[in-house]
Amino acid sequence: MNWKWFGKLHGWLYRVSGGRISARMGPIDIALVDTVGRKSGKLRTVPIACYPYKDSVVISASNSGLATRPAWYHNLKARPQCQVQLGRERFNAAAEDLTVEECEQLLPSIYAINPHQQQYREKTDRHIPIVWLRRASNAE
């Protein structure tokens, strides 16, 4: 499967349906995350599996266990401000990596929702960051 084209189609369907279609894949919630390309400066939208965390969600920079991190992760590191669509809800967020300790505490609940995440971690030697898409307060 060509995941790049699947992601584009998935994101398009998600966005045009207002989050009514494609917001879940089985038991896994999907967020649309809008980032700005660190090199291009262009708006990039990517559908990403997400998991509940505090008042928001976290996403895993697993890149399916490949040796490199996904482009969206580098974009968020360069410019942490992003917009998130979670189903029909849209909110502004700031991306921040969880600490290793926070990741270890959260991983069992992520694995329970999406066992592929455990397989990706076993497949690679690199640290896979978990990124909190922390909701921006109204004052920000």
Protein backbone atom coordinates (compact mmCIF):
# COMPACT_ATOMS: atom_id res chain seq x y z
CA MET A 1 0.00 0.00 0.00
CA ASN A 2 1.21 3.51 -0.75
CA TRP A 3 0.86 5.09 2.70
CA LYS A 4 1.62 8.59 1.44
CA TRP A 5 -1.41 8.56 -0.88
CA PHE A 6 -3.54 6.75 1.67
CA GLY A 7 -2.72 9.49 4.19
CA LYS A 8 -3.64 12.22 1.72
CA LEU A 9 -6.96 10.55 0.88
CA HIS A 10 -7.68 9.81 4.55
CA GLY A 11 -6.93 13.41 5.55
CA TRP A 12 -9.05 14.80 2.72
CA LEU A 13 -12.02 12.59 3.62
CA TYR A 14 -11.64 13.46 7.31
CA ARG A 15 -11.51 17.19 6.62
CA VAL A 16 -14.36 17.41 4.07
CA SER A 17 -16.66 15.32 6.26
CA GLY A 18 -16.03 17.63 9.20
CA GLY A 19 -14.58 14.72 11.16
CA ARG A 20 -17.63 12.50 10.76
CA ILE A 21 -15.70 10.05 8.55
CA SER A 22 -12.16 8.72 9.13
CA ALA A 23 -11.81 9.95 12.72
CA ARG A 24 -11.26 6.34 13.84
CA MET A 25 -9.60 3.27 12.43
CA GLY A 26 -11.02 0.40 14.43
CA PRO A 27 -10.33 1.16 18.10
CA ILE A 28 -7.77 3.87 17.28
CA ASP A 29 -8.63 7.58 17.26
CA ILE A 30 -7.09 9.57 14.44
CA ALA A 31 -6.18 13.25 14.72
CA LEU A 32 -5.54 15.58 11.83
CA VAL A 33 -2.49 17.63 12.77
CA ASP A 34 -1.68 20.81 10.84
CA THR A 35 2.00 21.72 10.96
CA VAL A 36 4.19 24.13 9.03
CA GLY A 37 6.99 22.56 7.02
CA ARG A 38 10.31 23.47 8.59
CA LYS A 39 11.99 23.81 5.18
CA SER A 40 9.12 24.71 2.85
CA GLY A 41 7.08 26.90 5.19
CA LYS A 42 3.97 25.27 3.71
CA LEU A 43 1.00 24.09 5.74
CA ARG A 44 1.08 20.30 6.08
CA THR A 45 -1.82 18.19 7.32
CA VAL A 46 -1.21 14.64 8.45
CA PRO A 47 -3.60 12.06 9.93
CA ILE A 48 -1.94 10.47 12.97
CA ALA A 49 -3.07 7.79 15.42
CA CYS A 50 -3.58 9.45 18.79
CA TYR A 51 -4.20 8.40 22.36
CA PRO A 52 -5.96 10.15 25.26
CA TYR A 53 -3.71 12.11 27.61
CA LYS A 54 -4.84 14.61 30.24
CA ASP A 55 -7.19 17.07 28.49
CA SER A 56 -5.83 16.30 25.04
CA VAL A 57 -3.96 13.59 23.13
CA VAL A 58 -0.49 12.23 22.50
CA ILE A 59 0.96 10.94 19.24
CA SER A 60 3.85 8.56 18.71
CA ALA A 61 6.71 9.43 16.34
CA SER A 62 7.14 5.73 15.55
CA ASN A 63 7.18 6.04 11.74
CA SER A 64 6.18 2.35 11.71
CA GLY A 65 9.45 1.43 13.42
CA LEU A 66 11.68 2.82 10.65
CA ALA A 67 15.15 4.11 11.50
CA THR A 68 14.13 7.74 10.91
CA ARG A 69 11.56 9.93 12.60
CA PRO A 70 8.55 11.12 10.58
CA ALA A 71 8.74 14.53 8.86
CA TRP A 72 5.85 15.84 10.96
CA TYR A 73 7.93 15.30 14.10
CA HIS A 74 10.75 17.49 12.78
CA ASN A 75 8.18 20.12 11.76
CA LEU A 76 6.72 20.16 15.27
CA LYS A 77 10.18 20.39 16.85
CA ALA A 78 10.95 23.43 14.67
CA ARG A 79 7.54 25.04 15.28
CA PRO A 80 5.55 23.45 18.13
CA GLN A 81 2.37 25.44 17.51
CA CYS A 82 -0.13 23.40 15.55
CA GLN A 83 -3.81 22.89 15.00
CA VAL A 84 -5.50 19.59 15.78
CA GLN A 85 -8.78 18.18 14.55
CA LEU A 86 -10.09 15.37 16.72
CA GLY A 87 -13.34 14.18 15.22
CA ARG A 88 -15.50 17.27 14.83
CA GLU A 89 -13.50 19.32 17.33
CA ARG A 90 -10.63 21.62 16.29
CA PHE A 91 -8.20 23.22 18.72
CA ASN A 92 -4.85 24.96 18.81
CA ALA A 93 -2.07 23.09 20.54
CA ALA A 94 1.61 23.19 21.40
CA ALA A 95 3.61 20.03 20.82
CA GLU A 96 5.99 18.88 23.53
CA ASP A 97 7.85 15.62 23.98
CA LEU A 98 7.01 13.61 27.08
CA THR A 99 9.88 12.64 29.33
CA VAL A 100 11.17 9.07 29.23
CA GLU A 101 9.44 8.42 32.56
CA GLU A 102 6.12 9.79 31.29
CA CYS A 103 6.44 7.65 28.15
CA GLU A 104 7.07 4.50 30.20
CA GLN A 105 3.98 5.18 32.31
CA LEU A 106 1.81 5.78 29.24
CA LEU A 107 3.02 2.96 26.98
CA PRO A 108 0.88 0.15 28.45
CA SER A 109 -2.33 2.09 27.72
CA ILE A 110 -1.09 2.93 24.19
CA TYR A 111 -0.25 -0.74 23.55
CA ALA A 112 -3.71 -1.77 24.77
CA ILE A 113 -5.30 0.50 22.14
CA ASN A 114 -2.77 -0.10 19.37
CA PRO A 115 -0.53 -3.20 19.68
CA HIS A 116 1.36 -2.12 16.54
CA GLN A 117 3.08 0.55 18.63
CA GLN A 118 4.78 -2.14 20.70
CA GLN A 119 5.89 -3.91 17.50
CA TYR A 120 7.34 -0.65 16.16
CA ARG A 121 9.33 -0.13 19.36
CA GLU A 122 10.70 -3.66 19.18
CA LYS A 123 11.64 -3.16 15.51
CA THR A 124 13.95 -0.17 16.01
CA ASP A 125 16.91 0.79 18.17
CA ARG A 126 16.03 4.48 18.21
CA HIS A 127 14.06 6.20 20.94
CA ILE A 128 10.49 6.78 19.75
CA PRO A 129 9.23 10.07 21.17
CA ILE A 130 5.69 10.46 22.38
CA VAL A 131 4.43 13.97 21.73
CA TRP A 132 1.76 15.67 23.80
CA LEU A 133 -0.44 17.97 21.73
CA ARG A 134 -1.16 20.23 24.70
CA ARG A 135 -4.27 22.32 24.21
CA ALA A 136 -3.58 26.03 24.09
CA SER A 137 -5.43 27.95 26.74
CA ASN A 138 -7.71 30.77 25.64
CA ALA A 139 -5.17 33.24 27.03
CA GLU A 140 -2.42 31.98 24.67
